[in-house]
Amino acid sequence: MPKLVRPLMSLKASGLIGPRLVFSERGSGSQVRVQNAQKDVITASRTTQRALYSSAVAAWNSLDDIIKAIYNSLSVSLHMTGYNLFIKLHISGEVIDADFSYYGDRNYGLFLYGKE
């Protein structure tokens, strides 16, 4: 049986194989290592952050295409997508969407829509 010099009988392999084996190319050559499982510790701050993120995603999905296009155009100079900008502003509390009815004020970061 010949000794294998390269991983997975190929010239180059990288990435995750199975749940734990990681192949990579380092300066010292090909490397295979075992990826330890991450522990998902449920804390109050993580639960709060996940709830904030979930509400931000739901708020983005409820926006109409015109508002999404405005966020996309605002985010070009920031080197991010409009979605990322909205999520960032929503989590930080800068986006307040008080009411989805046409009779109330809607505040989308820099823009205020509704009655004046």
PDB file of N, CA and C in Angstrom:
ATOM      1  N   MET A   1       0.858  -1.173   0.000  1.00  0.00           N
ATOM      2  CA  MET A   1       0.000   0.000   0.000  1.00  0.00           C
ATOM      3  C   MET A   1       0.903   1.234   0.000  1.00  0.00           C
ATOM      4  N   PRO A   2       0.719   2.153  -0.958  1.00  0.00           N
ATOM      5  CA  PRO A   2       1.566   3.351  -0.993  1.00  0.00           C
ATOM      6  C   PRO A   2       1.142   4.356   0.074  1.00  0.00           C
ATOM      7  N   LYS A   3       2.104   5.104   0.512  1.00  0.00           N
ATOM      8  CA  LYS A   3       1.842   6.155   1.487  1.00  0.00           C
ATOM      9  C   LYS A   3       1.326   7.385   0.750  1.00  0.00           C
ATOM     10  N   LEU A   4       0.232   7.963   1.236  1.00  0.00           N
ATOM     11  CA  LEU A   4      -0.347   9.147   0.611  1.00  0.00           C
ATOM     12  C   LEU A   4       0.354  10.399   1.115  1.00  0.00           C
ATOM     13  N   VAL A   5       0.752  11.256   0.191  1.00  0.00           N
ATOM     14  CA  VAL A   5       1.415  12.502   0.557  1.00  0.00           C
ATOM     15  C   VAL A   5       0.421  13.651   0.556  1.00  0.00           C
ATOM     16  N   ARG A   6      -0.560  13.622  -0.316  1.00  0.00           N
ATOM     17  CA  ARG A   6      -1.571  14.664  -0.449  1.00  0.00           C
ATOM     18  C   ARG A   6      -2.896  14.197   0.151  1.00  0.00           C
ATOM     19  N   PRO A   7      -3.737  15.141   0.643  1.00  0.00           N
ATOM     20  CA  PRO A   7      -4.999  14.751   1.287  1.00  0.00           C
ATOM     21  C   PRO A   7      -6.052  14.290   0.289  1.00  0.00           C
ATOM     22  N   LEU A   8      -6.781  13.300   0.656  1.00  0.00           N
ATOM     23  CA  LEU A   8      -7.921  12.773  -0.085  1.00  0.00           C
ATOM     24  C   LEU A   8      -7.577  12.381  -1.520  1.00  0.00           C
ATOM     25  N   MET A   9      -6.364  11.878  -1.732  1.00  0.00           N
ATOM     26  CA  MET A   9      -5.897  11.436  -3.042  1.00  0.00           C
ATOM     27  C   MET A   9      -6.042  12.518  -4.109  1.00  0.00           C
ATOM     28  N   SER A  10      -5.780  13.758  -3.750  1.00  0.00           N
ATOM     29  CA  SER A  10      -5.843  14.866  -4.691  1.00  0.00           C
ATOM     30  C   SER A  10      -4.635  15.764  -4.475  1.00  0.00           C
ATOM     31  N   LEU A  11      -4.475  16.753  -5.343  1.00  0.00           N
ATOM     32  CA  LEU A  11      -3.362  17.679  -5.181  1.00  0.00           C
ATOM     33  C   LEU A  11      -3.608  18.665  -4.055  1.00  0.00           C
ATOM     34  N   LYS A  12      -4.859  19.032  -3.870  1.00  0.00           N
ATOM     35  CA  LYS A  12      -5.175  20.026  -2.843  1.00  0.00           C
ATOM     36  C   LYS A  12      -6.585  19.776  -2.331  1.00  0.00           C
ATOM     37  N   ALA A  13      -6.752  19.813  -1.033  1.00  0.00           N
ATOM     38  CA  ALA A  13      -8.073  19.671  -0.426  1.00  0.00           C
ATOM     39  C   ALA A  13      -8.205  20.699   0.675  1.00  0.00           C
ATOM     40  N   SER A  14      -9.384  21.306   0.756  1.00  0.00           N
ATOM     41  CA  SER A  14      -9.645  22.246   1.842  1.00  0.00           C
ATOM     42  C   SER A  14     -11.124  22.199   2.160  1.00  0.00           C
ATOM     43  N   GLY A  15     -11.428  22.476   3.407  1.00  0.00           N
ATOM     44  CA  GLY A  15     -12.819  22.498   3.831  1.00  0.00           C
ATOM     45  C   GLY A  15     -13.124  21.424   4.851  1.00  0.00           C
ATOM     46  N   LEU A  16     -14.392  21.328   5.162  1.00  0.00           N
ATOM     47  CA  LEU A  16     -14.879  20.427   6.193  1.00  0.00           C
ATOM     48  C   LEU A  16     -15.357  19.127   5.566  1.00  0.00           C
ATOM     49  N   ILE A  17     -14.891  18.016   6.083  1.00  0.00           N
ATOM     50  CA  ILE A  17     -15.335  16.699   5.648  1.00  0.00           C
ATOM     51  C   ILE A  17     -15.984  16.039   6.851  1.00  0.00           C
ATOM     52  N   GLY A  18     -17.258  15.724   6.736  1.00  0.00           N
ATOM     53  CA  GLY A  18     -17.964  15.161   7.873  1.00  0.00           C
ATOM     54  C   GLY A  18     -18.192  16.234   8.924  1.00  0.00           C
ATOM     55  N   PRO A  19     -18.574  15.823  10.105  1.00  0.00           N
ATOM     56  CA  PRO A  19     -18.862  16.831  11.127  1.00  0.00           C
ATOM     57  C   PRO A  19     -17.628  17.429  11.798  1.00  0.00           C
ATOM     58  N   ARG A  20     -16.446  16.808  11.672  1.00  0.00           N
ATOM     59  CA  ARG A  20     -15.318  17.280  12.468  1.00  0.00           C
ATOM     60  C   ARG A  20     -13.991  17.441  11.735  1.00  0.00           C
ATOM     61  N   LEU A  21     -13.739  16.744  10.620  1.00  0.00           N
ATOM     62  CA  LEU A  21     -12.436  16.799   9.959  1.00  0.00           C
ATOM     63  C   LEU A  21     -12.318  18.032   9.074  1.00  0.00           C
ATOM     64  N   VAL A  22     -11.237  18.787   9.261  1.00  0.00           N
ATOM     65  CA  VAL A  22     -10.996  19.999   8.491  1.00  0.00           C
ATOM     66  C   VAL A  22      -9.672  19.854   7.754  1.00  0.00           C
ATOM     67  N   PHE A  23      -9.716  19.997   6.423  1.00  0.00           N
ATOM     68  CA  PHE A  23      -8.521  19.986   5.599  1.00  0.00           C
ATOM     69  C   PHE A  23      -8.164  21.419   5.251  1.00  0.00           C
ATOM     70  N   SER A  24      -6.880  21.763   5.318  1.00  0.00           N
ATOM     71  CA  SER A  24      -6.457  23.123   4.977  1.00  0.00           C
ATOM     72  C   SER A  24      -5.027  23.108   4.477  1.00  0.00           C
ATOM     73  N   GLU A  25      -4.671  24.164   3.754  1.00  0.00           N
ATOM     74  CA  GLU A  25      -3.306  24.379   3.284  1.00  0.00           C
ATOM     75  C   GLU A  25      -2.692  25.467   4.140  1.00  0.00           C
ATOM     76  N   ARG A  26      -1.603  25.175   4.786  1.00  0.00           N
ATOM     77  CA  ARG A  26      -0.888  26.146   5.598  1.00  0.00           C
ATOM     78  C   ARG A  26       0.481  26.372   4.981  1.00  0.00           C
ATOM     79  N   GLY A  27       1.239  27.287   5.545  1.00  0.00           N
ATOM     80  CA  GLY A  27       2.589  27.534   5.073  1.00  0.00           C
ATOM     81  C   GLY A  27       3.483  26.315   5.207  1.00  0.00           C
ATOM     82  N   SER A  28       3.187  25.480   6.178  1.00  0.00           N
ATOM     83  CA  SER A  28       3.989  24.285   6.401  1.00  0.00           C
ATOM     84  C   SER A  28       3.546  23.114   5.531  1.00  0.00           C
ATOM     85  N   GLY A  29       2.437  23.255   4.809  1.00  0.00           N
ATOM     86  CA  GLY A  29       1.947  22.189   3.941  1.00  0.00           C
ATOM     87  C   GLY A  29       0.495  21.858   4.244  1.00  0.00           C
ATOM     88  N   SER A  30       0.066  20.720   3.743  1.00  0.00           N
ATOM     89  CA  SER A  30      -1.311  20.275   3.960  1.00  0.00           C
ATOM     90  C   SER A  30      -1.507  19.891   5.417  1.00  0.00           C
ATOM     91  N   GLN A  31      -2.703  20.150   5.909  1.00  0.00           N
ATOM     92  CA  GLN A  31      -2.970  19.886   7.317  1.00  0.00           C
ATOM     93  C   GLN A  31      -4.369  19.316   7.466  1.00  0.00           C
ATOM     94  N   VAL A  32      -4.516  18.333   8.336  1.00  0.00           N
ATOM     95  CA  VAL A  32      -5.815  17.777   8.707  1.00  0.00           C
ATOM     96  C   VAL A  32      -5.936  17.932  10.215  1.00  0.00           C
ATOM     97  N   ARG A  33      -7.033  18.514  10.661  1.00  0.00           N
ATOM     98  CA  ARG A  33      -7.219  18.681  12.101  1.00  0.00           C
ATOM     99  C   ARG A  33      -8.679  18.398  12.455  1.00  0.00           C
ATOM    100  N   VAL A  34      -8.909  18.179  13.716  1.00  0.00           N
ATOM    101  CA  VAL A  34     -10.249  17.900  14.218  1.00  0.00           C
ATOM    102  C   VAL A  34     -10.835  19.202  14.752  1.00  0.00           C
ATOM    103  N   GLN A  35     -12.005  19.539  14.266  1.00  0.00           N
ATOM    104  CA  GLN A  35     -12.706  20.746  14.717  1.00  0.00           C
ATOM    105  C   GLN A  35     -13.536  20.391  15.945  1.00  0.00           C
ATOM    106  N   ASN A  36     -13.273  21.046  17.033  1.00  0.00           N
ATOM    107  CA  ASN A  36     -14.048  20.813  18.249  1.00  0.00           C
ATOM    108  C   ASN A  36     -15.423  21.445  18.108  1.00  0.00           C
ATOM    109  N   ALA A  37     -16.419  20.789  18.654  1.00  0.00           N
ATOM    110  CA  ALA A  37     -17.783  21.297  18.583  1.00  0.00           C
ATOM    111  C   ALA A  37     -17.921  22.545  19.447  1.00  0.00           C
ATOM    112  N   GLN A  38     -18.611  23.543  18.916  1.00  0.00           N
ATOM    113  CA  GLN A  38     -18.865  24.766  19.665  1.00  0.00           C
ATOM    114  C   GLN A  38     -20.026  24.528  20.626  1.00  0.00           C
ATOM    115  N   LYS A  39     -19.900  25.077  21.804  1.00  0.00           N
ATOM    116  CA  LYS A  39     -20.968  24.957  22.780  1.00  0.00           C
ATOM    117  C   LYS A  39     -21.903  26.146  22.634  1.00  0.00           C
ATOM    118  N   ASP A  40     -23.174  25.886  22.525  1.00  0.00           N
ATOM    119  CA  ASP A  40     -24.172  26.940  22.413  1.00  0.00           C
ATOM    120  C   ASP A  40     -24.754  27.187  23.807  1.00  0.00           C
ATOM    121  N   VAL A  41     -24.098  28.038  24.544  1.00  0.00           N
ATOM    122  CA  VAL A  41     -24.531  28.352  25.896  1.00  0.00           C
ATOM    123  C   VAL A  41     -25.651  29.384  25.815  1.00  0.00           C
ATOM    124  N   ILE A  42     -26.785  29.059  26.365  1.00  0.00           N
ATOM    125  CA  ILE A  42     -27.930  29.960  26.342  1.00  0.00           C
ATOM    126  C   ILE A  42     -27.809  30.914  27.531  1.00  0.00           C
ATOM    127  N   THR A  43     -27.563  32.184  27.224  1.00  0.00           N
ATOM    128  CA  THR A  43     -27.499  33.203  28.267  1.00  0.00           C
ATOM    129  C   THR A  43     -28.578  34.242  27.994  1.00  0.00           C
ATOM    130  N   ALA A  44     -28.807  35.090  28.964  1.00  0.00           N
ATOM    131  CA  ALA A  44     -29.831  36.122  28.805  1.00  0.00           C
ATOM    132  C   ALA A  44     -29.458  37.104  27.695  1.00  0.00           C
ATOM    133  N   SER A  45     -28.182  37.467  27.611  1.00  0.00           N
ATOM    134  CA  SER A  45     -27.776  38.426  26.580  1.00  0.00           C
ATOM    135  C   SER A  45     -27.864  37.821  25.185  1.00  0.00           C
ATOM    136  N   ARG A  46     -27.529  36.535  25.030  1.00  0.00           N
ATOM    137  CA  ARG A  46     -27.675  35.887  23.720  1.00  0.00           C
ATOM    138  C   ARG A  46     -29.132  35.771  23.326  1.00  0.00           C
ATOM    139  N   THR A  47     -29.980  35.436  24.264  1.00  0.00           N
ATOM    140  CA  THR A  47     -31.409  35.338  23.972  1.00  0.00           C
ATOM    141  C   THR A  47     -31.972  36.692  23.555  1.00  0.00           C
ATOM    142  N   THR A  48     -31.548  37.751  24.230  1.00  0.00           N
ATOM    143  CA  THR A  48     -31.985  39.100  23.875  1.00  0.00           C
ATOM    144  C   THR A  48     -31.502  39.478  22.483  1.00  0.00           C
ATOM    145  N   GLN A  49     -30.237  39.195  22.183  1.00  0.00           N
ATOM    146  CA  GLN A  49     -29.676  39.530  20.874  1.00  0.00           C
ATOM    147  C   GLN A  49     -30.372  38.762  19.761  1.00  0.00           C
ATOM    148  N   ARG A  50     -30.653  37.488  19.995  1.00  0.00           N
ATOM    149  CA  ARG A  50     -31.350  36.683  18.983  1.00  0.00           C
ATOM    150  C   ARG A  50     -32.764  37.185  18.760  1.00  0.00           C
ATOM    151  N   ALA A  51     -33.434  37.634  19.816  1.00  0.00           N
ATOM    152  CA  ALA A  51     -34.779  38.194  19.669  1.00  0.00           C
ATOM    153  C   ALA A  51     -34.736  39.508  18.895  1.00  0.00           C
ATOM    154  N   LEU A  52     -33.730  40.350  19.161  1.00  0.00           N
ATOM    155  CA  LEU A  52     -33.575  41.597  18.416  1.00  0.00           C
ATOM    156  C   LEU A  52     -33.331  41.317  16.943  1.00  0.00           C
ATOM    157  N   TYR A  53     -32.488  40.353  16.639  1.00  0.00           N
ATOM    158  CA  TYR A  53     -32.188  40.010  15.254  1.00  0.00           C
ATOM    159  C   TYR A  53     -33.433  39.456  14.554  1.00  0.00           C
ATOM    160  N   SER A  54     -34.169  38.596  15.234  1.00  0.00           N
ATOM    161  CA  SER A  54     -35.385  38.028  14.637  1.00  0.00           C
ATOM    162  C   SER A  54     -36.416  39.107  14.340  1.00  0.00           C
ATOM    163  N   SER A  55     -36.572  40.066  15.240  1.00  0.00           N
ATOM    164  CA  SER A  55     -37.532  41.140  14.995  1.00  0.00           C
ATOM    165  C   SER A  55     -37.054  42.051  13.872  1.00  0.00           C
ATOM    166  N   ALA A  56     -35.738  42.251  13.742  1.00  0.00           N
ATOM    167  CA  ALA A  56     -35.196  43.069  12.650  1.00  0.00           C
ATOM    168  C   ALA A  56     -35.431  42.391  11.305  1.00  0.00           C
ATOM    169  N   VAL A  57     -35.243  41.085  11.233  1.00  0.00           N
ATOM    170  CA  VAL A  57     -35.483  40.356   9.989  1.00  0.00           C
ATOM    171  C   VAL A  57     -36.961  40.405   9.627  1.00  0.00           C
ATOM    172  N   ALA A  58     -37.838  40.248  10.605  1.00  0.00           N
ATOM    173  CA  ALA A  58     -39.269  40.326  10.339  1.00  0.00           C
ATOM    174  C   ALA A  58     -39.665  41.729   9.870  1.00  0.00           C
ATOM    175  N   ALA A  59     -39.047  42.759  10.441  1.00  0.00           N
ATOM    176  CA  ALA A  59     -39.337  44.133  10.018  1.00  0.00           C
ATOM    177  C   ALA A  59     -38.855  44.374   8.599  1.00  0.00           C
ATOM    178  N   TRP A  60     -37.685  43.848   8.229  1.00  0.00           N
ATOM    179  CA  TRP A  60     -37.180  44.004   6.860  1.00  0.00           C
ATOM    180  C   TRP A  60     -38.115  43.307   5.871  1.00  0.00           C
ATOM    181  N   ASN A  61     -38.556  42.113   6.210  1.00  0.00           N
ATOM    182  CA  ASN A  61     -39.439  41.370   5.309  1.00  0.00           C
ATOM    183  C   ASN A  61     -40.788  42.049   5.134  1.00  0.00           C
ATOM    184  N   SER A  62     -41.194  42.864   6.099  1.00  0.00           N
ATOM    185  CA  SER A  62     -42.487  43.540   5.997  1.00  0.00           C
ATOM    186  C   SER A  62     -42.394  44.857   5.225  1.00  0.00           C
ATOM    187  N   LEU A  63     -41.188  45.334   4.909  1.00  0.00           N
ATOM    188  CA  LEU A  63     -41.031  46.590   4.176  1.00  0.00           C
ATOM    189  C   LEU A  63     -41.434  46.411   2.721  1.00  0.00           C
ATOM    190  N   ASP A  64     -41.903  47.509   2.112  1.00  0.00           N
ATOM    191  CA  ASP A  64     -42.206  47.450   0.689  1.00  0.00           C
ATOM    192  C   ASP A  64     -40.927  47.677  -0.118  1.00  0.00           C
ATOM    193  N   ASP A  65     -41.001  47.425  -1.415  1.00  0.00           N
ATOM    194  CA  ASP A  65     -39.811  47.475  -2.259  1.00  0.00           C
ATOM    195  C   ASP A  65     -39.223  48.873  -2.380  1.00  0.00           C
ATOM    196  N   ILE A  66     -40.033  49.909  -2.249  1.00  0.00           N
ATOM    197  CA  ILE A  66     -39.531  51.281  -2.359  1.00  0.00           C
ATOM    198  C   ILE A  66     -38.598  51.599  -1.191  1.00  0.00           C
ATOM    199  N   ILE A  67     -39.007  51.235   0.016  1.00  0.00           N
ATOM    200  CA  ILE A  67     -38.172  51.489   1.191  1.00  0.00           C
ATOM    201  C   ILE A  67     -36.898  50.644   1.126  1.00  0.00           C
ATOM    202  N   LYS A  68     -37.013  49.396   0.661  1.00  0.00           N
ATOM    203  CA  LYS A  68     -35.829  48.556   0.520  1.00  0.00           C
ATOM    204  C   LYS A  68     -34.852  49.160  -0.488  1.00  0.00           C
ATOM    205  N   ALA A  69     -35.373  49.731  -1.574  1.00  0.00           N
ATOM    206  CA  ALA A  69     -34.499  50.363  -2.568  1.00  0.00           C
ATOM    207  C   ALA A  69     -33.801  51.582  -1.992  1.00  0.00           C
ATOM    208  N   ILE A  70     -34.484  52.321  -1.128  1.00  0.00           N
ATOM    209  CA  ILE A  70     -33.858  53.479  -0.480  1.00  0.00           C
ATOM    210  C   ILE A  70     -32.705  53.019   0.406  1.00  0.00           C
ATOM    211  N   TYR A  71     -32.927  51.975   1.188  1.00  0.00           N
ATOM    212  CA  TYR A  71     -31.850  51.452   2.033  1.00  0.00           C
ATOM    213  C   TYR A  71     -30.698  50.916   1.189  1.00  0.00           C
ATOM    214  N   ASN A  72     -31.013  50.274   0.066  1.00  0.00           N
ATOM    215  CA  ASN A  72     -29.949  49.775  -0.809  1.00  0.00           C
ATOM    216  C   ASN A  72     -29.115  50.914  -1.372  1.00  0.00           C
ATOM    217  N   SER A  73     -29.750  52.034  -1.741  1.00  0.00           N
ATOM    218  CA  SER A  73     -28.989  53.164  -2.274  1.00  0.00           C
ATOM    219  C   SER A  73     -28.185  53.879  -1.181  1.00  0.00           C
ATOM    220  N   LEU A  74     -28.711  53.918   0.036  1.00  0.00           N
ATOM    221  CA  LEU A  74     -27.966  54.531   1.143  1.00  0.00           C
ATOM    222  C   LEU A  74     -26.739  53.719   1.547  1.00  0.00           C
ATOM    223  N   SER A  75     -26.812  52.428   1.372  1.00  0.00           N
ATOM    224  CA  SER A  75     -25.755  51.558   1.871  1.00  0.00           C
ATOM    225  C   SER A  75     -24.583  51.404   0.914  1.00  0.00           C
ATOM    226  N   VAL A  76     -24.700  51.906  -0.317  1.00  0.00           N
ATOM    227  CA  VAL A  76     -23.625  51.722  -1.294  1.00  0.00           C
ATOM    228  C   VAL A  76     -22.335  52.367  -0.805  1.00  0.00           C
ATOM    229  N   SER A  77     -22.412  53.573  -0.278  1.00  0.00           N
ATOM    230  CA  SER A  77     -21.206  54.260   0.189  1.00  0.00           C
ATOM    231  C   SER A  77     -20.635  53.642   1.461  1.00  0.00           C
ATOM    232  N   LEU A  78     -21.415  52.847   2.158  1.00  0.00           N
ATOM    233  CA  LEU A  78     -20.958  52.205   3.395  1.00  0.00           C
ATOM    234  C   LEU A  78     -20.382  50.816   3.147  1.00  0.00           C
ATOM    235  N   HIS A  79     -20.376  50.370   1.881  1.00  0.00           N
ATOM    236  CA  HIS A  79     -19.854  49.053   1.492  1.00  0.00           C
ATOM    237  C   HIS A  79     -20.584  47.923   2.206  1.00  0.00           C
ATOM    238  N   MET A  80     -21.894  48.017   2.235  1.00  0.00           N
ATOM    239  CA  MET A  80     -22.728  46.948   2.773  1.00  0.00           C
ATOM    240  C   MET A  80     -24.030  46.937   1.993  1.00  0.00           C
ATOM    241  N   THR A  81     -24.843  45.940   2.209  1.00  0.00           N
ATOM    242  CA  THR A  81     -26.132  45.873   1.529  1.00  0.00           C
ATOM    243  C   THR A  81     -27.167  46.672   2.317  1.00  0.00           C
ATOM    244  N   GLY A  82     -28.276  46.968   1.663  1.00  0.00           N
ATOM    245  CA  GLY A  82     -29.359  47.658   2.346  1.00  0.00           C
ATOM    246  C   GLY A  82     -29.933  46.836   3.480  1.00  0.00           C
ATOM    247  N   TYR A  83     -29.958  45.529   3.282  1.00  0.00           N
ATOM    248  CA  TYR A  83     -30.423  44.623   4.330  1.00  0.00           C
ATOM    249  C   TYR A  83     -29.542  44.743   5.568  1.00  0.00           C
ATOM    250  N   ASN A  84     -28.215  44.709   5.363  1.00  0.00           N
ATOM    251  CA  ASN A  84     -27.298  44.809   6.501  1.00  0.00           C
ATOM    252  C   ASN A  84     -27.422  46.148   7.209  1.00  0.00           C
ATOM    253  N   LEU A  85     -27.590  47.226   6.439  1.00  0.00           N
ATOM    254  CA  LEU A  85     -27.762  48.544   7.046  1.00  0.00           C
ATOM    255  C   LEU A  85     -29.030  48.597   7.881  1.00  0.00           C
ATOM    256  N   PHE A  86     -30.127  48.076   7.338  1.00  0.00           N
ATOM    257  CA  PHE A  86     -31.392  48.081   8.070  1.00  0.00           C
ATOM    258  C   PHE A  86     -31.289  47.265   9.356  1.00  0.00           C
ATOM    259  N   ILE A  87     -30.693  46.076   9.262  1.00  0.00           N
ATOM    260  CA  ILE A  87     -30.550  45.218  10.442  1.00  0.00           C
ATOM    261  C   ILE A  87     -29.706  45.919  11.499  1.00  0.00           C
ATOM    262  N   LYS A  88     -28.607  46.537  11.065  1.00  0.00           N
ATOM    263  CA  LYS A  88     -27.731  47.245  11.999  1.00  0.00           C
ATOM    264  C   LYS A  88     -28.477  48.380  12.694  1.00  0.00           C
ATOM    265  N   LEU A  89     -29.214  49.182  11.924  1.00  0.00           N
ATOM    266  CA  LEU A  89     -29.949  50.299  12.509  1.00  0.00           C
ATOM    267  C   LEU A  89     -31.087  49.831  13.395  1.00  0.00           C
ATOM    268  N   HIS A  90     -31.754  48.763  12.980  1.00  0.00           N
ATOM    269  CA  HIS A  90     -32.882  48.249  13.754  1.00  0.00           C
ATOM    270  C   HIS A  90     -32.419  47.705  15.099  1.00  0.00           C
ATOM    271  N   ILE A  91     -31.316  46.964  15.118  1.00  0.00           N
ATOM    272  CA  ILE A  91     -30.815  46.394  16.370  1.00  0.00           C
ATOM    273  C   ILE A  91     -30.306  47.490  17.301  1.00  0.00           C
ATOM    274  N   SER A  92     -29.687  48.530  16.731  1.00  0.00           N
ATOM    275  CA  SER A  92     -29.179  49.619  17.569  1.00  0.00           C
ATOM    276  C   SER A  92     -30.285  50.554  18.046  1.00  0.00           C
ATOM    277  N   GLY A  93     -31.507  50.373  17.526  1.00  0.00           N
ATOM    278  CA  GLY A  93     -32.638  51.177  17.966  1.00  0.00           C
ATOM    279  C   GLY A  93     -32.852  52.445  17.174  1.00  0.00           C
ATOM    280  N   GLU A  94     -32.143  52.609  16.063  1.00  0.00           N
ATOM    281  CA  GLU A  94     -32.287  53.814  15.269  1.00  0.00           C
ATOM    282  C   GLU A  94     -33.442  53.735  14.280  1.00  0.00           C
ATOM    283  N   VAL A  95     -33.948  52.551  14.011  1.00  0.00           N
ATOM    284  CA  VAL A  95     -35.101  52.379  13.137  1.00  0.00           C
ATOM    285  C   VAL A  95     -36.291  52.077  14.010  1.00  0.00           C
ATOM    286  N   ILE A  96     -37.296  52.918  13.937  1.00  0.00           N
ATOM    287  CA  ILE A  96     -38.503  52.727  14.736  1.00  0.00           C
ATOM    288  C   ILE A  96     -39.677  52.650  13.782  1.00  0.00           C
ATOM    289  N   ASP A  97     -40.303  51.510  13.714  1.00  0.00           N
ATOM    290  CA  ASP A  97     -41.485  51.340  12.891  1.00  0.00           C
ATOM    291  C   ASP A  97     -42.654  51.156  13.839  1.00  0.00           C
ATOM    292  N   ALA A  98     -43.303  52.267  14.168  1.00  0.00           N
ATOM    293  CA  ALA A  98     -44.324  52.247  15.208  1.00  0.00           C
ATOM    294  C   ALA A  98     -45.625  51.620  14.732  1.00  0.00           C
ATOM    295  N   ASP A  99     -45.987  51.868  13.473  1.00  0.00           N
ATOM    296  CA  ASP A  99     -47.303  51.457  13.015  1.00  0.00           C
ATOM    297  C   ASP A  99     -47.245  51.165  11.528  1.00  0.00           C
ATOM    298  N   PHE A 100     -47.871  50.075  11.113  1.00  0.00           N
ATOM    299  CA  PHE A 100     -47.890  49.743   9.699  1.00  0.00           C
ATOM    300  C   PHE A 100     -49.136  50.284   9.000  1.00  0.00           C
ATOM    301  N   SER A 101     -49.983  51.021   9.698  1.00  0.00           N
ATOM    302  CA  SER A 101     -51.169  51.585   9.066  1.00  0.00           C
ATOM    303  C   SER A 101     -50.800  52.847   8.306  1.00  0.00           C
ATOM    304  N   TYR A 102     -51.664  53.262   7.410  1.00  0.00           N
ATOM    305  CA  TYR A 102     -51.403  54.462   6.611  1.00  0.00           C
ATOM    306  C   TYR A 102     -51.755  55.744   7.359  1.00  0.00           C
ATOM    307  N   TYR A 103     -52.309  55.621   8.544  1.00  0.00           N
ATOM    308  CA  TYR A 103     -52.742  56.796   9.296  1.00  0.00           C
ATOM    309  C   TYR A 103     -51.745  57.243  10.352  1.00  0.00           C
ATOM    310  N   GLY A 104     -50.692  56.479  10.550  1.00  0.00           N
ATOM    311  CA  GLY A 104     -49.705  56.839  11.564  1.00  0.00           C
ATOM    312  C   GLY A 104     -48.389  57.244  10.928  1.00  0.00           C
ATOM    313  N   ASP A 105     -47.469  57.687  11.739  1.00  0.00           N
ATOM    314  CA  ASP A 105     -46.139  58.032  11.268  1.00  0.00           C
ATOM    315  C   ASP A 105     -45.297  56.765  11.201  1.00  0.00           C
ATOM    316  N   ARG A 106     -44.457  56.694  10.181  1.00  0.00           N
ATOM    317  CA  ARG A 106     -43.523  55.585  10.051  1.00  0.00           C
ATOM    318  C   ARG A 106     -42.131  56.180   9.965  1.00  0.00           C
ATOM    319  N   ASN A 107     -41.267  55.807  10.875  1.00  0.00           N
ATOM    320  CA  ASN A 107     -39.920  56.346  10.910  1.00  0.00           C
ATOM    321  C   ASN A 107     -38.949  55.249  10.499  1.00  0.00           C
ATOM    322  N   TYR A 108     -38.293  55.411   9.339  1.00  0.00           N
ATOM    323  CA  TYR A 108     -37.320  54.455   8.834  1.00  0.00           C
ATOM    324  C   TYR A 108     -35.947  55.100   8.861  1.00  0.00           C
ATOM    325  N   GLY A 109     -35.329  55.158   9.999  1.00  0.00           N
ATOM    326  CA  GLY A 109     -33.997  55.738  10.085  1.00  0.00           C
ATOM    327  C   GLY A 109     -34.024  57.208   9.755  1.00  0.00           C
ATOM    328  N   LEU A 110     -33.611  57.576   8.543  1.00  0.00           N
ATOM    329  CA  LEU A 110     -33.539  58.950   8.127  1.00  0.00           C
ATOM    330  C   LEU A 110     -34.854  59.472   7.557  1.00  0.00           C
ATOM    331  N   PHE A 111     -35.807  58.601   7.296  1.00  0.00           N
ATOM    332  CA  PHE A 111     -37.011  58.982   6.583  1.00  0.00           C
ATOM    333  C   PHE A 111     -38.239  58.864   7.478  1.00  0.00           C
ATOM    334  N   LEU A 112     -39.112  59.851   7.391  1.00  0.00           N
ATOM    335  CA  LEU A 112     -40.362  59.837   8.141  1.00  0.00           C
ATOM    336  C   LEU A 112     -41.503  59.886   7.147  1.00  0.00           C
ATOM    337  N   TYR A 113     -42.373  58.904   7.171  1.00  0.00           N
ATOM    338  CA  TYR A 113     -43.505  58.837   6.270  1.00  0.00           C
ATOM    339  C   TYR A 113     -44.796  58.914   7.062  1.00  0.00           C
ATOM    340  N   GLY A 114     -45.846  59.369   6.421  1.00  0.00           N
ATOM    341  CA  GLY A 114     -47.143  59.443   7.072  1.00  0.00           C
ATOM    342  C   GLY A 114     -47.598  60.884   7.203  1.00  0.00           C
ATOM    343  N   LYS A 115     -48.469  61.131   8.158  1.00  0.00           N
ATOM    344  CA  LYS A 115     -48.984  62.481   8.346  1.00  0.00           C
ATOM    345  C   LYS A 115     -47.919  63.405   8.898  1.00  0.00           C
ATOM    346  N   GLU A 116     -48.037  64.669   8.611  1.00  0.00           N
ATOM    347  CA  GLU A 116     -47.052  65.638   9.098  1.00  0.00           C
ATOM    348  C   GLU A 116     -47.662  66.584  10.088  1.00  0.00           C
TER     349      GLU A 116
END
